[in-house]
Amino acid sequence: SITGCVEISQSNEDIVAPSGMVEECTRQIRVGR
């Protein structure tokens, strides 16, 4: 792991997160951390 980075380690190929979902949640986390 590298501090400050986002790693995508697994994904179910049949289920896809809506556009912008991961980015928005990552942004929210980065506000405090």
Full PDB file with SEQRES, HELIX, SHEET, SSBOND, CRYST1, ORIGX, SCALE, CONECT and MASTER records, all heavy atoms in Angstrom:
SEQRES   1 A   33  SER ILE THR GLY CYS VAL GLU ILE SER GLN SER ASN GLU          
SEQRES   2 A   33  ASP ILE VAL ALA PRO SER GLY MET VAL GLU GLU CYS THR          
SEQRES   3 A   33  ARG GLN ILE ARG VAL GLY ARG                                  
HELIX    1 AA1 MET A   21  GLY A   32  1                                  12    
CRYST1    1.000    1.000    1.000  90.00  90.00  90.00 P 1           1          
ORIGX1      1.000000  0.000000  0.000000        0.00000                         
ORIGX2      0.000000  1.000000  0.000000        0.00000                         
ORIGX3      0.000000  0.000000  1.000000        0.00000                         
SCALE1      1.000000  0.000000  0.000000        0.00000                         
SCALE2      0.000000  1.000000  0.000000        0.00000                         
SCALE3      0.000000  0.000000  1.000000        0.00000                         
ATOM      1  N   SER A   1       0.842  -1.193   0.000  1.00  0.00           N  
ATOM      2  CA  SER A   1       0.000   0.000   0.000  1.00  0.00           C  
ATOM      3  C   SER A   1       0.876   1.242   0.000  1.00  0.00           C  
ATOM      4  O   SER A   1       1.945   1.256   0.591  1.00  0.00           O  
ATOM      5  CB  SER A   1      -0.894   0.031   1.235  1.00  0.00           C  
ATOM      6  OG  SER A   1      -1.791  -1.040   1.209  1.00  0.00           O  
ATOM      7  N   ILE A   2       0.390   2.258  -0.645  1.00  0.00           N  
ATOM      8  CA  ILE A   2       1.090   3.531  -0.673  1.00  0.00           C  
ATOM      9  C   ILE A   2       0.171   4.566  -0.040  1.00  0.00           C  
ATOM     10  O   ILE A   2      -0.967   4.728  -0.463  1.00  0.00           O  
ATOM     11  CB  ILE A   2       1.451   3.943  -2.116  1.00  0.00           C  
ATOM     12  CG1 ILE A   2       2.344   2.874  -2.746  1.00  0.00           C  
ATOM     13  CG2 ILE A   2       2.121   5.299  -2.130  1.00  0.00           C  
ATOM     14  CD1 ILE A   2       2.612   3.078  -4.204  1.00  0.00           C  
ATOM     15  N   THR A   3       0.654   5.268   0.968  1.00  0.00           N  
ATOM     16  CA  THR A   3      -0.159   6.258   1.672  1.00  0.00           C  
ATOM     17  C   THR A   3      -0.660   7.319   0.708  1.00  0.00           C  
ATOM     18  O   THR A   3       0.089   7.827  -0.126  1.00  0.00           O  
ATOM     19  CB  THR A   3       0.666   6.916   2.792  1.00  0.00           C  
ATOM     20  OG1 THR A   3       1.098   5.893   3.667  1.00  0.00           O  
ATOM     21  CG2 THR A   3      -0.142   7.936   3.552  1.00  0.00           C  
ATOM     22  N   GLY A   4      -1.942   7.639   0.840  1.00  0.00           N  
ATOM     23  CA  GLY A   4      -2.531   8.681   0.011  1.00  0.00           C  
ATOM     24  C   GLY A   4      -3.039   8.211  -1.337  1.00  0.00           C  
ATOM     25  O   GLY A   4      -3.569   8.988  -2.101  1.00  0.00           O  
ATOM     26  N   CYS A   5      -2.884   6.936  -1.636  1.00  0.00           N  
ATOM     27  CA  CYS A   5      -3.332   6.404  -2.922  1.00  0.00           C  
ATOM     28  C   CYS A   5      -4.623   5.617  -2.763  1.00  0.00           C  
ATOM     29  O   CYS A   5      -5.000   5.226  -1.673  1.00  0.00           O  
ATOM     30  CB  CYS A   5      -2.271   5.486  -3.520  1.00  0.00           C  
ATOM     31  SG  CYS A   5      -0.795   6.353  -4.020  1.00  0.00           S  
ATOM     32  N   VAL A   6      -5.287   5.385  -3.876  1.00  0.00           N  
ATOM     33  CA  VAL A   6      -6.482   4.548  -3.888  1.00  0.00           C  
ATOM     34  C   VAL A   6      -6.169   3.331  -4.738  1.00  0.00           C  
ATOM     35  O   VAL A   6      -5.763   3.451  -5.882  1.00  0.00           O  
ATOM     36  CB  VAL A   6      -7.695   5.304  -4.473  1.00  0.00           C  
ATOM     37  CG1 VAL A   6      -8.895   4.379  -4.559  1.00  0.00           C  
ATOM     38  CG2 VAL A   6      -8.007   6.527  -3.657  1.00  0.00           C  
ATOM     39  N   GLU A   7      -6.358   2.160  -4.160  1.00  0.00           N  
ATOM     40  CA  GLU A   7      -6.099   0.902  -4.852  1.00  0.00           C  
ATOM     41  C   GLU A   7      -7.414   0.179  -5.058  1.00  0.00           C  
ATOM     42  O   GLU A   7      -8.205   0.032  -4.135  1.00  0.00           O  
ATOM     43  CB  GLU A   7      -5.172   0.042  -3.998  1.00  0.00           C  
ATOM     44  CG  GLU A   7      -4.971  -1.348  -4.540  1.00  0.00           C  
ATOM     45  CD  GLU A   7      -4.208  -2.232  -3.564  1.00  0.00           C  
ATOM     46  OE1 GLU A   7      -3.560  -1.717  -2.651  1.00  0.00           O  
ATOM     47  OE2 GLU A   7      -4.300  -3.451  -3.726  1.00  0.00           O  
ATOM     48  N   ILE A   8      -7.654  -0.263  -6.268  1.00  0.00           N  
ATOM     49  CA  ILE A   8      -8.846  -1.073  -6.548  1.00  0.00           C  
ATOM     50  C   ILE A   8      -8.363  -2.501  -6.691  1.00  0.00           C  
ATOM     51  O   ILE A   8      -7.674  -2.839  -7.640  1.00  0.00           O  
ATOM     52  CB  ILE A   8      -9.576  -0.582  -7.812  1.00  0.00           C  
ATOM     53  CG1 ILE A   8     -10.030   0.856  -7.612  1.00  0.00           C  
ATOM     54  CG2 ILE A   8     -10.747  -1.491  -8.136  1.00  0.00           C  
ATOM     55  CD1 ILE A   8     -10.692   1.472  -8.814  1.00  0.00           C  
ATOM     56  N   SER A   9      -8.723  -3.338  -5.691  1.00  0.00           N  
ATOM     57  CA  SER A   9      -8.153  -4.674  -5.641  1.00  0.00           C  
ATOM     58  C   SER A   9      -9.041  -5.752  -6.234  1.00  0.00           C  
ATOM     59  O   SER A   9      -8.548  -6.734  -6.739  1.00  0.00           O  
ATOM     60  CB  SER A   9      -7.805  -5.020  -4.193  1.00  0.00           C  
ATOM     61  OG  SER A   9      -8.955  -4.937  -3.388  1.00  0.00           O  
ATOM     62  N   GLN A  10     -10.348  -5.597  -6.150  1.00  0.00           N  
ATOM     63  CA  GLN A  10     -11.250  -6.614  -6.673  1.00  0.00           C  
ATOM     64  C   GLN A  10     -12.479  -5.941  -7.264  1.00  0.00           C  
ATOM     65  O   GLN A  10     -12.839  -4.843  -6.887  1.00  0.00           O  
ATOM     66  CB  GLN A  10     -11.725  -7.552  -5.575  1.00  0.00           C  
ATOM     67  CG  GLN A  10     -10.676  -8.443  -5.006  1.00  0.00           C  
ATOM     68  CD  GLN A  10     -11.267  -9.348  -3.938  1.00  0.00           C  
ATOM     69  OE1 GLN A  10     -12.157  -8.954  -3.208  1.00  0.00           O  
ATOM     70  NE2 GLN A  10     -10.767 -10.557  -3.865  1.00  0.00           N  
ATOM     71  N   SER A  11     -13.115  -6.638  -8.127  1.00  0.00           N  
ATOM     72  CA  SER A  11     -14.369  -6.149  -8.678  1.00  0.00           C  
ATOM     73  C   SER A  11     -15.174  -7.322  -9.196  1.00  0.00           C  
ATOM     74  O   SER A  11     -14.626  -8.235  -9.791  1.00  0.00           O  
ATOM     75  CB  SER A  11     -14.103  -5.161  -9.815  1.00  0.00           C  
ATOM     76  OG  SER A  11     -15.323  -4.713 -10.355  1.00  0.00           O  
ATOM     77  N   ASN A  12     -16.473  -7.299  -8.945  1.00  0.00           N  
ATOM     78  CA  ASN A  12     -17.362  -8.290  -9.531  1.00  0.00           C  
ATOM     79  C   ASN A  12     -17.703  -7.752 -10.912  1.00  0.00           C  
ATOM     80  O   ASN A  12     -18.335  -6.700 -11.032  1.00  0.00           O  
ATOM     81  CB  ASN A  12     -18.618  -8.447  -8.671  1.00  0.00           C  
ATOM     82  CG  ASN A  12     -19.546  -9.498  -9.216  1.00  0.00           C  
ATOM     83  OD1 ASN A  12     -19.600  -9.738 -10.422  1.00  0.00           O  
ATOM     84  ND2 ASN A  12     -20.290 -10.125  -8.338  1.00  0.00           N  
ATOM     85  N   GLU A  13     -17.298  -8.429 -11.944  1.00  0.00           N  
ATOM     86  CA  GLU A  13     -17.455  -7.923 -13.305  1.00  0.00           C  
ATOM     87  C   GLU A  13     -18.911  -7.737 -13.714  1.00  0.00           C  
ATOM     88  O   GLU A  13     -19.199  -7.009 -14.653  1.00  0.00           O  
ATOM     89  CB  GLU A  13     -16.712  -8.832 -14.270  1.00  0.00           C  
ATOM     90  CG  GLU A  13     -15.210  -8.792 -14.058  1.00  0.00           C  
ATOM     91  CD  GLU A  13     -14.468  -9.703 -15.003  1.00  0.00           C  
ATOM     92  OE1 GLU A  13     -15.041 -10.127 -16.018  1.00  0.00           O  
ATOM     93  OE2 GLU A  13     -13.299  -9.990 -14.717  1.00  0.00           O  
ATOM     94  N   ASP A  14     -19.841  -8.379 -13.006  1.00  0.00           N  
ATOM     95  CA  ASP A  14     -21.253  -8.244 -13.339  1.00  0.00           C  
ATOM     96  C   ASP A  14     -21.881  -7.003 -12.710  1.00  0.00           C  
ATOM     97  O   ASP A  14     -22.930  -6.556 -13.131  1.00  0.00           O  
ATOM     98  CB  ASP A  14     -22.030  -9.473 -12.876  1.00  0.00           C  
ATOM     99  CG  ASP A  14     -21.600 -10.734 -13.617  1.00  0.00           C  
ATOM    100  OD1 ASP A  14     -21.123 -10.621 -14.766  1.00  0.00           O  
ATOM    101  OD2 ASP A  14     -21.730 -11.821 -13.036  1.00  0.00           O  
ATOM    102  N   ILE A  15     -21.259  -6.465 -11.666  1.00  0.00           N  
ATOM    103  CA  ILE A  15     -21.802  -5.311 -10.959  1.00  0.00           C  
ATOM    104  C   ILE A  15     -20.825  -4.151 -11.096  1.00  0.00           C  
ATOM    105  O   ILE A  15     -19.647  -4.276 -10.774  1.00  0.00           O  
ATOM    106  CB  ILE A  15     -22.029  -5.626  -9.467  1.00  0.00           C  
ATOM    107  CG1 ILE A  15     -22.955  -6.837  -9.318  1.00  0.00           C  
ATOM    108  CG2 ILE A  15     -22.603  -4.415  -8.748  1.00  0.00           C  
ATOM    109  CD1 ILE A  15     -23.039  -7.385  -7.920  1.00  0.00           C  
ATOM    110  N   VAL A  16     -21.331  -3.038 -11.572  1.00  0.00           N  
ATOM    111  CA  VAL A  16     -20.490  -1.872 -11.804  1.00  0.00           C  
ATOM    112  C   VAL A  16     -21.036  -0.708 -10.993  1.00  0.00           C  
ATOM    113  O   VAL A  16     -22.241  -0.441 -11.015  1.00  0.00           O  
ATOM    114  CB  VAL A  16     -20.466  -1.509 -13.309  1.00  0.00           C  
ATOM    115  CG1 VAL A  16     -19.642  -0.268 -13.557  1.00  0.00           C  
ATOM    116  CG2 VAL A  16     -19.944  -2.682 -14.133  1.00  0.00           C  
ATOM    117  N   ALA A  17     -20.154  -0.015 -10.279  1.00  0.00           N  
ATOM    118  CA  ALA A  17     -20.561   1.165  -9.523  1.00  0.00           C  
ATOM    119  C   ALA A  17     -20.976   2.264 -10.500  1.00  0.00           C  
ATOM    120  O   ALA A  17     -20.373   2.417 -11.563  1.00  0.00           O  
ATOM    121  CB  ALA A  17     -19.410   1.649  -8.651  1.00  0.00           C  
ATOM    122  N   PRO A  18     -22.008   3.031 -10.150  1.00  0.00           N  
ATOM    123  CA  PRO A  18     -22.415   4.140 -11.015  1.00  0.00           C  
ATOM    124  C   PRO A  18     -21.263   5.121 -11.233  1.00  0.00           C  
ATOM    125  O   PRO A  18     -20.391   5.275 -10.373  1.00  0.00           O  
ATOM    126  CB  PRO A  18     -23.548   4.808 -10.227  1.00  0.00           C  
ATOM    127  CG  PRO A  18     -24.061   3.751  -9.308  1.00  0.00           C  
ATOM    128  CD  PRO A  18     -22.866   2.905  -8.972  1.00  0.00           C  
ATOM    129  N   SER A  19     -21.288   5.776 -12.352  1.00  0.00           N  
ATOM    130  CA  SER A  19     -20.252   6.749 -12.687  1.00  0.00           C  
ATOM    131  C   SER A  19     -20.089   7.779 -11.571  1.00  0.00           C  
ATOM    132  O   SER A  19     -21.061   8.364 -11.111  1.00  0.00           O  
ATOM    133  CB  SER A  19     -20.629   7.451 -13.993  1.00  0.00           C  
ATOM    134  OG  SER A  19     -19.668   8.425 -14.318  1.00  0.00           O  
ATOM    135  N   GLY A  20     -18.865   7.964 -11.121  1.00  0.00           N  
ATOM    136  CA  GLY A  20     -18.553   8.961 -10.109  1.00  0.00           C  
ATOM    137  C   GLY A  20     -18.714   8.506  -8.670  1.00  0.00           C  
ATOM    138  O   GLY A  20     -18.334   9.229  -7.748  1.00  0.00           O  
ATOM    139  N   MET A  21     -19.252   7.314  -8.460  1.00  0.00           N  
ATOM    140  CA  MET A  21     -19.523   6.847  -7.093  1.00  0.00           C  
ATOM    141  C   MET A  21     -18.246   6.694  -6.271  1.00  0.00           C  
ATOM    142  O   MET A  21     -18.132   7.236  -5.176  1.00  0.00           O  
ATOM    143  CB  MET A  21     -20.289   5.524  -7.128  1.00  0.00           C  
ATOM    144  CG  MET A  21     -20.649   4.990  -5.762  1.00  0.00           C  
ATOM    145  SD  MET A  21     -21.620   3.461  -5.939  1.00  0.00           S  
ATOM    146  CE  MET A  21     -22.203   3.233  -4.274  1.00  0.00           C  
ATOM    147  N   VAL A  22     -17.293   5.931  -6.783  1.00  0.00           N  
ATOM    148  CA  VAL A  22     -16.056   5.690  -6.045  1.00  0.00           C  
ATOM    149  C   VAL A  22     -15.299   7.001  -5.854  1.00  0.00           C  
ATOM    150  O   VAL A  22     -14.788   7.283  -4.769  1.00  0.00           O  
ATOM    151  CB  VAL A  22     -15.187   4.638  -6.767  1.00  0.00           C  
ATOM    152  CG1 VAL A  22     -13.797   4.543  -6.149  1.00  0.00           C  
ATOM    153  CG2 VAL A  22     -15.882   3.287  -6.736  1.00  0.00           C  
ATOM    154  N   GLU A  23     -15.272   7.828  -6.869  1.00  0.00           N  
ATOM    155  CA  GLU A  23     -14.562   9.108  -6.775  1.00  0.00           C  
ATOM    156  C   GLU A  23     -15.177  10.015  -5.713  1.00  0.00           C  
ATOM    157  O   GLU A  23     -14.462  10.657  -4.942  1.00  0.00           O  
ATOM    158  CB  GLU A  23     -14.552   9.817  -8.138  1.00  0.00           C  
ATOM    159  CG  GLU A  23     -13.766   9.097  -9.212  1.00  0.00           C  
ATOM    160  CD  GLU A  23     -14.526   7.946  -9.885  1.00  0.00           C  
ATOM    161  OE1 GLU A  23     -15.714   7.730  -9.578  1.00  0.00           O  
ATOM    162  OE2 GLU A  23     -13.921   7.257 -10.707  1.00  0.00           O  
ATOM    163  N   GLU A  24     -16.514  10.070  -5.652  1.00  0.00           N  
ATOM    164  CA  GLU A  24     -17.175  10.927  -4.669  1.00  0.00           C  
ATOM    165  C   GLU A  24     -16.953  10.419  -3.251  1.00  0.00           C  
ATOM    166  O   GLU A  24     -16.681  11.206  -2.331  1.00  0.00           O  
ATOM    167  CB  GLU A  24     -18.671  11.035  -4.956  1.00  0.00           C  
ATOM    168  CG  GLU A  24     -19.453  11.797  -3.905  1.00  0.00           C  
ATOM    169  CD  GLU A  24     -18.983  13.212  -3.629  1.00  0.00           C  
ATOM    170  OE1 GLU A  24     -18.284  13.835  -4.465  1.00  0.00           O  
ATOM    171  OE2 GLU A  24     -19.308  13.726  -2.535  1.00  0.00           O  
ATOM    172  N   CYS A  25     -17.047   9.124  -3.042  1.00  0.00           N  
ATOM    173  CA  CYS A  25     -16.816   8.589  -1.701  1.00  0.00           C  
ATOM    174  C   CYS A  25     -15.354   8.771  -1.288  1.00  0.00           C  
ATOM    175  O   CYS A  25     -15.064   9.104  -0.136  1.00  0.00           O  
ATOM    176  CB  CYS A  25     -17.241   7.132  -1.624  1.00  0.00           C  
ATOM    177  SG  CYS A  25     -19.055   6.956  -1.589  1.00  0.00           S  
ATOM    178  N   THR A  26     -14.449   8.594  -2.217  1.00  0.00           N  
ATOM    179  CA  THR A  26     -13.033   8.840  -1.930  1.00  0.00           C  
ATOM    180  C   THR A  26     -12.812  10.306  -1.571  1.00  0.00           C  
ATOM    181  O   THR A  26     -12.103  10.626  -0.622  1.00  0.00           O  
ATOM    182  CB  THR A  26     -12.164   8.440  -3.140  1.00  0.00           C  
ATOM    183  OG1 THR A  26     -12.347   7.041  -3.392  1.00  0.00           O  
ATOM    184  CG2 THR A  26     -10.698   8.718  -2.884  1.00  0.00           C  
ATOM    185  N   ARG A  27     -13.459  11.213  -2.279  1.00  0.00           N  
ATOM    186  CA  ARG A  27     -13.348  12.646  -1.983  1.00  0.00           C  
ATOM    187  C   ARG A  27     -13.842  12.940  -0.569  1.00  0.00           C  
ATOM    188  O   ARG A  27     -13.208  13.686   0.176  1.00  0.00           O  
ATOM    189  CB  ARG A  27     -14.145  13.466  -3.007  1.00  0.00           C  
ATOM    190  CG  ARG A  27     -13.989  14.977  -2.824  1.00  0.00           C  
ATOM    191  CD  ARG A  27     -15.080  15.756  -3.534  1.00  0.00           C  
ATOM    192  NE  ARG A  27     -16.401  15.543  -2.954  1.00  0.00           N  
ATOM    193  CZ  ARG A  27     -16.818  16.067  -1.791  1.00  0.00           C  
ATOM    194  NH1 ARG A  27     -16.027  16.824  -1.068  1.00  0.00           N  
ATOM    195  NH2 ARG A  27     -18.042  15.813  -1.353  1.00  0.00           N  
ATOM    196  N   GLN A  28     -14.970  12.339  -0.191  1.00  0.00           N  
ATOM    197  CA  GLN A  28     -15.512  12.563   1.146  1.00  0.00           C  
ATOM    198  C   GLN A  28     -14.542  12.094   2.228  1.00  0.00           C  
ATOM    199  O   GLN A  28     -14.352  12.773   3.240  1.00  0.00           O  
ATOM    200  CB  GLN A  28     -16.857  11.854   1.300  1.00  0.00           C  
ATOM    201  CG  GLN A  28     -17.961  12.453   0.474  1.00  0.00           C  
ATOM    202  CD  GLN A  28     -19.236  11.640   0.517  1.00  0.00           C  
ATOM    203  OE1 GLN A  28     -19.488  10.892   1.467  1.00  0.00           O  
ATOM    204  NE2 GLN A  28     -20.056  11.764  -0.509  1.00  0.00           N  
ATOM    205  N   ILE A  29     -13.931  10.952   2.020  1.00  0.00           N  
ATOM    206  CA  ILE A  29     -12.970  10.430   2.988  1.00  0.00           C  
ATOM    207  C   ILE A  29     -11.756  11.352   3.073  1.00  0.00           C  
ATOM    208  O   ILE A  29     -11.272  11.666   4.160  1.00  0.00           O  
ATOM    209  CB  ILE A  29     -12.549   8.997   2.622  1.00  0.00           C  
ATOM    210  CG1 ILE A  29     -13.740   8.049   2.763  1.00  0.00           C  
ATOM    211  CG2 ILE A  29     -11.366   8.540   3.479  1.00  0.00           C  
ATOM    212  CD1 ILE A  29     -13.541   6.699   2.120  1.00  0.00           C  
ATOM    213  N   ARG A  30     -11.295  11.830   1.940  1.00  0.00           N  
ATOM    214  CA  ARG A  30     -10.100  12.685   1.898  1.00  0.00           C  
ATOM    215  C   ARG A  30     -10.302  14.025   2.609  1.00  0.00           C  
ATOM    216  O   ARG A  30      -9.337  14.640   3.029  1.00  0.00           O  
ATOM    217  CB  ARG A  30      -9.676  12.929   0.458  1.00  0.00           C  
ATOM    218  CG  ARG A  30      -9.191  11.684  -0.229  1.00  0.00           C  
ATOM    219  CD  ARG A  30      -7.694  11.691  -0.412  1.00  0.00           C  
ATOM    220  NE  ARG A  30      -7.270  10.502  -1.131  1.00  0.00           N  
ATOM    221  CZ  ARG A  30      -6.646   9.494  -0.553  1.00  0.00           C  
ATOM    222  NH1 ARG A  30      -6.384   9.524   0.724  1.00  0.00           N  
ATOM    223  NH2 ARG A  30      -6.288   8.445  -1.254  1.00  0.00           N  
ATOM    224  N   VAL A  31     -11.545  14.474   2.769  1.00  0.00           N  
ATOM    225  CA  VAL A  31     -11.790  15.729   3.479  1.00  0.00           C  
ATOM    226  C   VAL A  31     -11.231  15.642   4.902  1.00  0.00           C  
ATOM    227  O   VAL A  31     -10.561  16.550   5.369  1.00  0.00           O  
ATOM    228  CB  VAL A  31     -13.301  16.067   3.505  1.00  0.00           C  
ATOM    229  CG1 VAL A  31     -13.597  17.197   4.478  1.00  0.00           C  
ATOM    230  CG2 VAL A  31     -13.780  16.427   2.103  1.00  0.00           C  
ATOM    231  N   GLY A  32     -11.498  14.550   5.586  1.00  0.00           N  
ATOM    232  CA  GLY A  32     -11.031  14.393   6.957  1.00  0.00           C  
ATOM    233  C   GLY A  32      -9.732  13.619   7.100  1.00  0.00           C  
ATOM    234  O   GLY A  32      -9.072  13.691   8.126  1.00  0.00           O  
ATOM    235  N   ARG A  33      -9.396  12.874   6.059  1.00  0.00           N  
ATOM    236  CA  ARG A  33      -8.205  12.019   6.115  1.00  0.00           C  
ATOM    237  C   ARG A  33      -7.447  12.120   4.799  1.00  0.00           C  
ATOM    238  O   ARG A  33      -7.438  11.187   3.996  1.00  0.00           O  
ATOM    239  CB  ARG A  33      -8.627  10.584   6.396  1.00  0.00           C  
ATOM    240  CG  ARG A  33      -9.369  10.458   7.741  1.00  0.00           C  
ATOM    241  CD  ARG A  33      -9.960   9.108   7.944  1.00  0.00           C  
ATOM    242  NE  ARG A  33      -8.953   8.221   8.498  1.00  0.00           N  
ATOM    243  CZ  ARG A  33      -9.235   7.029   9.022  1.00  0.00           C  
ATOM    244  NH1 ARG A  33     -10.480   6.590   9.046  1.00  0.00           N  
ATOM    245  NH2 ARG A  33      -8.288   6.272   9.516  1.00  0.00           N  
TER     246      ARG A  33                                                      
MASTER        0    0    0    1    0    0    0    6  245    1    0    3          
END                                                                             
